[in-house]
């Protein structure tokens, strides 16, 4: 019995060291060497100051900025420590009310825009932290952003096209636009 207990203890200590210390340090080291930007949180910096992460949505609600997907996190939007969706199903009246309110807000912000509102502008992502919008959602906002900044729609459309990431290898995922990166590019273009 004593011999089995000793063997179990030695095995426990060895596996704890291997899986709890050596493996995490090895993987972290490889990550830091091969993927330094991603391991550091994919931070976007300007003049040495971090402005946000390309992986996490940011709240934008001023008319001169592109707006991202809704965030269902609490107590504030885009709270990285409370990642999660609203879990409202398609037949839930609360989801219908939330979508209706967001459509009305988008229409009020740009009354001249009669285009259909893209679904990703009126619904939250599963994480509540989605940093990207569809190209259609970006295109829907071009007129409002151009007017608010005093730019031509073609200038803003070109910027959106330059910041649109296509599907990986032409077939994985969907085309998307990172809202933070696009808004920072707008600020550089317009000196905002």
C-alpha atoms as a PDB file:
ATOM      1  CA  UNK A   1       0.000   0.000   0.000  1.00  0.00           C
ATOM      2  CA  UNK A   2       2.820   2.360   0.928  1.00  0.00           C
ATOM      3  CA  UNK A   3       4.589   1.681  -2.384  1.00  0.00           C
ATOM      4  CA  UNK A   4       1.434   2.489  -4.398  1.00  0.00           C
ATOM      5  CA  UNK A   5       0.923   5.708  -2.427  1.00  0.00           C
ATOM      6  CA  UNK A   6       4.523   6.764  -3.101  1.00  0.00           C
ATOM      7  CA  UNK A   7       4.184   5.981  -6.829  1.00  0.00           C
ATOM      8  CA  UNK A   8       0.913   7.926  -6.996  1.00  0.00           C
ATOM      9  CA  UNK A   9       2.460  10.913  -5.217  1.00  0.00           C
ATOM     10  CA  UNK A  10       5.527  10.951  -7.480  1.00  0.00           C
ATOM     11  CA  UNK A  11       3.317  10.660 -10.563  1.00  0.00           C
ATOM     12  CA  UNK A  12       1.061  13.451  -9.256  1.00  0.00           C
ATOM     13  CA  UNK A  13       4.034  15.795  -8.663  1.00  0.00           C
ATOM     14  CA  UNK A  14       5.596  15.008 -12.065  1.00  0.00           C
ATOM     15  CA  UNK A  15       2.341  15.498 -13.965  1.00  0.00           C
ATOM     16  CA  UNK A  16       1.606  18.687 -12.028  1.00  0.00           C
ATOM     17  CA  UNK A  17       5.013  20.083 -12.972  1.00  0.00           C
ATOM     18  CA  UNK A  18       4.650  18.962 -16.579  1.00  0.00           C
ATOM     19  CA  UNK A  19       1.081  20.148 -17.192  1.00  0.00           C
ATOM     20  CA  UNK A  20       0.929  23.029 -14.721  1.00  0.00           C
ATOM     21  CA  UNK A  21       4.338  24.607 -15.237  1.00  0.00           C
ATOM     22  CA  UNK A  22       6.517  23.256 -18.051  1.00  0.00           C
ATOM     23  CA  UNK A  23       3.835  22.978 -20.766  1.00  0.00           C
ATOM     24  CA  UNK A  24       2.285  26.451 -20.130  1.00  0.00           C
ATOM     25  CA  UNK A  25       5.742  28.078 -20.086  1.00  0.00           C
ATOM     26  CA  UNK A  26       6.720  26.297 -23.305  1.00  0.00           C
ATOM     27  CA  UNK A  27       3.509  27.271 -25.118  1.00  0.00           C
ATOM     28  CA  UNK A  28       3.720  30.860 -23.862  1.00  0.00           C
ATOM     29  CA  UNK A  29       7.345  31.108 -24.977  1.00  0.00           C
ATOM     30  CA  UNK A  30       6.552  29.779 -28.446  1.00  0.00           C
ATOM     31  CA  UNK A  31       3.606  32.155 -28.651  1.00  0.00           C
ATOM     32  CA  UNK A  32       5.741  35.145 -27.688  1.00  0.00           C
ATOM     33  CA  UNK A  33       8.323  34.243 -30.321  1.00  0.00           C
ATOM     34  CA  UNK A  34       6.010  33.296 -33.183  1.00  0.00           C
ATOM     35  CA  UNK A  35       2.940  35.474 -32.474  1.00  0.00           C
ATOM     36  CA  UNK A  36       4.172  38.396 -30.355  1.00  0.00           C
ATOM     37  CA  UNK A  37       1.414  40.809 -31.445  1.00  0.00           C
ATOM     38  CA  UNK A  38      -1.409  38.350 -30.739  1.00  0.00           C
ATOM     39  CA  UNK A  39       0.028  37.168 -27.409  1.00  0.00           C
ATOM     40  CA  UNK A  40       0.186  40.803 -26.319  1.00  0.00           C
ATOM     41  CA  UNK A  41      -3.551  41.223 -26.943  1.00  0.00           C
ATOM     42  CA  UNK A  42      -3.407  42.544 -30.532  1.00  0.00           C
ATOM     43  CA  UNK A  43      -3.126  46.049 -29.128  1.00  0.00           C
ATOM     44  CA  UNK A  44      -3.448  48.992 -31.475  1.00  0.00           C
ATOM     45  CA  UNK A  45      -1.074  51.763 -30.451  1.00  0.00           C
ATOM     46  CA  UNK A  46      -0.456  55.293 -31.573  1.00  0.00           C
ATOM     47  CA  UNK A  47       2.580  57.235 -30.364  1.00  0.00           C
ATOM     48  CA  UNK A  48       3.342  54.408 -27.942  1.00  0.00           C
ATOM     49  CA  UNK A  49      -0.068  54.640 -26.271  1.00  0.00           C
ATOM     50  CA  UNK A  50      -2.494  51.706 -26.461  1.00  0.00           C
ATOM     51  CA  UNK A  51      -5.841  52.766 -27.956  1.00  0.00           C
ATOM     52  CA  UNK A  52      -7.581  49.403 -27.811  1.00  0.00           C
ATOM     53  CA  UNK A  53      -7.413  45.864 -29.060  1.00  0.00           C
ATOM     54  CA  UNK A  54      -8.226  44.686 -32.565  1.00  0.00           C
ATOM     55  CA  UNK A  55      -9.922  41.704 -30.891  1.00  0.00           C
ATOM     56  CA  UNK A  56     -12.426  43.581 -28.701  1.00  0.00           C
ATOM     57  CA  UNK A  57     -15.237  45.898 -29.683  1.00  0.00           C
ATOM     58  CA  UNK A  58     -15.163  49.508 -28.520  1.00  0.00           C
ATOM     59  CA  UNK A  59     -18.138  51.781 -27.871  1.00  0.00           C
ATOM     60  CA  UNK A  60     -18.594  54.416 -30.604  1.00  0.00           C
ATOM     61  CA  UNK A  61     -21.760  56.477 -30.794  1.00  0.00           C
ATOM     62  CA  UNK A  62     -20.723  59.853 -32.222  1.00  0.00           C
ATOM     63  CA  UNK A  63     -22.022  60.429 -35.786  1.00  0.00           C
ATOM     64  CA  UNK A  64     -18.514  60.924 -37.223  1.00  0.00           C
ATOM     65  CA  UNK A  65     -17.572  57.354 -36.318  1.00  0.00           C
ATOM     66  CA  UNK A  66     -18.644  53.970 -37.600  1.00  0.00           C
ATOM     67  CA  UNK A  67     -20.694  52.123 -35.028  1.00  0.00           C
ATOM     68  CA  UNK A  68     -20.071  48.483 -34.187  1.00  0.00           C
ATOM     69  CA  UNK A  69     -22.306  45.652 -33.150  1.00  0.00           C
ATOM     70  CA  UNK A  70     -24.355  45.930 -30.016  1.00  0.00           C
ATOM     71  CA  UNK A  71     -22.832  44.602 -26.842  1.00  0.00           C
ATOM     72  CA  UNK A  72     -24.904  42.610 -24.382  1.00  0.00           C
ATOM     73  CA  UNK A  73     -22.274  42.729 -21.635  1.00  0.00           C
ATOM     74  CA  UNK A  74     -22.952  44.301 -18.261  1.00  0.00           C
ATOM     75  CA  UNK A  75     -22.592  46.564 -16.374  1.00  0.00           C
ATOM     76  CA  UNK A  76     -21.225  48.540 -19.346  1.00  0.00           C
ATOM     77  CA  UNK A  77     -20.979  47.716 -23.075  1.00  0.00           C
ATOM     78  CA  UNK A  78     -17.917  45.832 -24.336  1.00  0.00           C
ATOM     79  CA  UNK A  79     -16.965  44.685 -20.855  1.00  0.00           C
ATOM     80  CA  UNK A  80     -14.268  42.081 -21.473  1.00  0.00           C
ATOM     81  CA  UNK A  81     -14.754  40.536 -18.046  1.00  0.00           C
ATOM     82  CA  UNK A  82     -18.443  39.837 -18.704  1.00  0.00           C
ATOM     83  CA  UNK A  83     -18.330  38.344 -22.186  1.00  0.00           C
ATOM     84  CA  UNK A  84     -21.611  36.834 -23.236  1.00  0.00           C
ATOM     85  CA  UNK A  85     -24.643  37.343 -25.412  1.00  0.00           C
ATOM     86  CA  UNK A  86     -28.141  38.307 -24.397  1.00  0.00           C
ATOM     87  CA  UNK A  87     -29.425  34.757 -25.023  1.00  0.00           C
ATOM     88  CA  UNK A  88     -32.671  36.209 -26.363  1.00  0.00           C
ATOM     89  CA  UNK A  89     -34.238  33.808 -28.856  1.00  0.00           C
ATOM     90  CA  UNK A  90     -35.835  34.874 -32.157  1.00  0.00           C
ATOM     91  CA  UNK A  91     -39.353  34.610 -30.722  1.00  0.00           C
ATOM     92  CA  UNK A  92     -38.568  36.597 -27.570  1.00  0.00           C
ATOM     93  CA  UNK A  93     -40.459  39.929 -27.522  1.00  0.00           C
ATOM     94  CA  UNK A  94     -37.497  41.584 -25.755  1.00  0.00           C
ATOM     95  CA  UNK A  95     -35.277  40.836 -28.777  1.00  0.00           C
ATOM     96  CA  UNK A  96     -37.896  42.283 -31.123  1.00  0.00           C
ATOM     97  CA  UNK A  97     -38.144  45.421 -28.965  1.00  0.00           C
ATOM     98  CA  UNK A  98     -34.346  45.812 -28.803  1.00  0.00           C
ATOM     99  CA  UNK A  99     -33.986  45.436 -32.579  1.00  0.00           C
ATOM    100  CA  UNK A 100     -36.855  47.861 -33.221  1.00  0.00           C
ATOM    101  CA  UNK A 101     -35.288  50.447 -30.886  1.00  0.00           C
ATOM    102  CA  UNK A 102     -31.889  50.107 -32.580  1.00  0.00           C
ATOM    103  CA  UNK A 103     -33.420  50.410 -36.081  1.00  0.00           C
ATOM    104  CA  UNK A 104     -35.222  53.578 -34.979  1.00  0.00           C
ATOM    105  CA  UNK A 105     -31.970  54.988 -33.549  1.00  0.00           C
ATOM    106  CA  UNK A 106     -30.098  54.248 -36.784  1.00  0.00           C
ATOM    107  CA  UNK A 107     -32.886  55.832 -38.863  1.00  0.00           C
ATOM    108  CA  UNK A 108     -32.930  58.907 -36.601  1.00  0.00           C
ATOM    109  CA  UNK A 109     -29.141  59.294 -36.894  1.00  0.00           C
ATOM    110  CA  UNK A 110     -29.365  59.277 -40.706  1.00  0.00           C
ATOM    111  CA  UNK A 111     -32.942  60.060 -41.837  1.00  0.00           C
ATOM    112  CA  UNK A 112     -31.968  60.328 -45.498  1.00  0.00           C
ATOM    113  CA  UNK A 113     -30.707  56.740 -45.556  1.00  0.00           C
ATOM    114  CA  UNK A 114     -33.551  54.541 -46.825  1.00  0.00           C
ATOM    115  CA  UNK A 115     -31.410  51.396 -47.300  1.00  0.00           C
ATOM    116  CA  UNK A 116     -32.302  48.277 -45.328  1.00  0.00           C
ATOM    117  CA  UNK A 117     -30.505  48.191 -41.977  1.00  0.00           C
ATOM    118  CA  UNK A 118     -27.962  45.330 -41.873  1.00  0.00           C
ATOM    119  CA  UNK A 119     -28.749  42.788 -39.180  1.00  0.00           C
ATOM    120  CA  UNK A 120     -25.362  43.036 -37.485  1.00  0.00           C
ATOM    121  CA  UNK A 121     -26.037  46.691 -36.598  1.00  0.00           C
ATOM    122  CA  UNK A 122     -29.154  45.765 -34.620  1.00  0.00           C
ATOM    123  CA  UNK A 123     -28.147  42.512 -32.929  1.00  0.00           C
ATOM    124  CA  UNK A 124     -25.407  41.599 -30.454  1.00  0.00           C
ATOM    125  CA  UNK A 125     -22.809  38.944 -31.116  1.00  0.00           C
ATOM    126  CA  UNK A 126     -22.580  35.806 -28.992  1.00  0.00           C
ATOM    127  CA  UNK A 127     -19.647  37.240 -27.044  1.00  0.00           C
ATOM    128  CA  UNK A 128     -20.911  40.797 -26.841  1.00  0.00           C
ATOM    129  CA  UNK A 129     -17.386  41.907 -27.754  1.00  0.00           C
ATOM    130  CA  UNK A 130     -17.334  41.599 -31.557  1.00  0.00           C
ATOM    131  CA  UNK A 131     -14.848  44.144 -32.974  1.00  0.00           C
ATOM    132  CA  UNK A 132     -16.017  43.715 -36.563  1.00  0.00           C
ATOM    133  CA  UNK A 133     -18.996  44.584 -38.716  1.00  0.00           C
ATOM    134  CA  UNK A 134     -19.958  43.318 -42.143  1.00  0.00           C
ATOM    135  CA  UNK A 135     -19.044  45.347 -45.237  1.00  0.00           C
ATOM    136  CA  UNK A 136     -22.804  45.956 -45.650  1.00  0.00           C
ATOM    137  CA  UNK A 137     -22.988  47.456 -42.144  1.00  0.00           C
ATOM    138  CA  UNK A 138     -20.034  49.718 -42.946  1.00  0.00           C
ATOM    139  CA  UNK A 139     -21.556  50.721 -46.299  1.00  0.00           C
ATOM    140  CA  UNK A 140     -24.832  51.588 -44.563  1.00  0.00           C
ATOM    141  CA  UNK A 141     -22.994  54.165 -42.407  1.00  0.00           C
ATOM    142  CA  UNK A 142     -20.839  55.818 -45.092  1.00  0.00           C
ATOM    143  CA  UNK A 143     -23.234  58.716 -45.778  1.00  0.00           C
ATOM    144  CA  UNK A 144     -23.631  59.667 -42.100  1.00  0.00           C
ATOM    145  CA  UNK A 145     -19.905  59.484 -41.379  1.00  0.00           C
ATOM    146  CA  UNK A 146     -18.978  61.437 -44.539  1.00  0.00           C
ATOM    147  CA  UNK A 147     -21.444  64.252 -43.741  1.00  0.00           C
ATOM    148  CA  UNK A 148     -20.351  64.446 -40.085  1.00  0.00           C
ATOM    149  CA  UNK A 149     -16.693  64.725 -41.094  1.00  0.00           C
ATOM    150  CA  UNK A 150     -17.156  66.929 -44.148  1.00  0.00           C
ATOM    151  CA  UNK A 151     -15.658  64.269 -46.415  1.00  0.00           C
ATOM    152  CA  UNK A 152     -16.944  62.909 -49.701  1.00  0.00           C
ATOM    153  CA  UNK A 153     -18.687  59.562 -49.646  1.00  0.00           C
ATOM    154  CA  UNK A 154     -16.127  58.251 -52.136  1.00  0.00           C
ATOM    155  CA  UNK A 155     -13.276  59.093 -49.712  1.00  0.00           C
ATOM    156  CA  UNK A 156     -14.996  57.246 -46.881  1.00  0.00           C
ATOM    157  CA  UNK A 157     -16.007  54.337 -49.149  1.00  0.00           C
ATOM    158  CA  UNK A 158     -12.370  53.962 -50.251  1.00  0.00           C
ATOM    159  CA  UNK A 159     -11.256  53.871 -46.618  1.00  0.00           C
ATOM    160  CA  UNK A 160     -13.860  51.188 -45.854  1.00  0.00           C
ATOM    161  CA  UNK A 161     -12.660  49.126 -48.820  1.00  0.00           C
ATOM    162  CA  UNK A 162      -9.035  49.400 -47.646  1.00  0.00           C
ATOM    163  CA  UNK A 163     -10.054  48.170 -44.184  1.00  0.00           C
ATOM    164  CA  UNK A 164     -12.228  45.292 -45.366  1.00  0.00           C
ATOM    165  CA  UNK A 165     -10.701  41.891 -44.649  1.00  0.00           C
ATOM    166  CA  UNK A 166     -11.834  39.176 -47.022  1.00  0.00           C
ATOM    167  CA  UNK A 167     -12.478  35.539 -46.165  1.00  0.00           C
ATOM    168  CA  UNK A 168      -9.379  33.632 -45.076  1.00  0.00           C
ATOM    169  CA  UNK A 169      -8.053  31.692 -48.069  1.00  0.00           C
ATOM    170  CA  UNK A 170     -11.153  32.804 -49.939  1.00  0.00           C
ATOM    171  CA  UNK A 171     -13.481  30.429 -48.090  1.00  0.00           C
ATOM    172  CA  UNK A 172     -13.129  30.573 -44.298  1.00  0.00           C
ATOM    173  CA  UNK A 173     -15.169  33.069 -42.307  1.00  0.00           C
ATOM    174  CA  UNK A 174     -16.863  36.134 -43.719  1.00  0.00           C
ATOM    175  CA  UNK A 175     -15.610  39.443 -45.035  1.00  0.00           C
ATOM    176  CA  UNK A 176     -15.466  41.964 -42.192  1.00  0.00           C
ATOM    177  CA  UNK A 177     -14.373  45.456 -41.203  1.00  0.00           C
ATOM    178  CA  UNK A 178     -12.641  46.139 -37.885  1.00  0.00           C
ATOM    179  CA  UNK A 179     -14.474  49.165 -36.433  1.00  0.00           C
ATOM    180  CA  UNK A 180     -11.635  50.456 -34.242  1.00  0.00           C
ATOM    181  CA  UNK A 181      -9.051  50.278 -37.030  1.00  0.00           C
ATOM    182  CA  UNK A 182     -11.442  51.987 -39.477  1.00  0.00           C
ATOM    183  CA  UNK A 183     -12.277  54.777 -37.035  1.00  0.00           C
ATOM    184  CA  UNK A 184      -8.603  55.367 -36.249  1.00  0.00           C
ATOM    185  CA  UNK A 185      -7.884  55.578 -39.984  1.00  0.00           C
ATOM    186  CA  UNK A 186     -10.714  58.124 -40.294  1.00  0.00           C
ATOM    187  CA  UNK A 187      -9.161  60.189 -37.516  1.00  0.00           C
ATOM    188  CA  UNK A 188      -5.810  60.148 -39.306  1.00  0.00           C
ATOM    189  CA  UNK A 189      -7.403  61.109 -42.612  1.00  0.00           C
ATOM    190  CA  UNK A 190      -9.515  63.860 -41.106  1.00  0.00           C
ATOM    191  CA  UNK A 191      -7.236  64.892 -38.248  1.00  0.00           C
ATOM    192  CA  UNK A 192      -9.949  63.993 -35.724  1.00  0.00           C
END
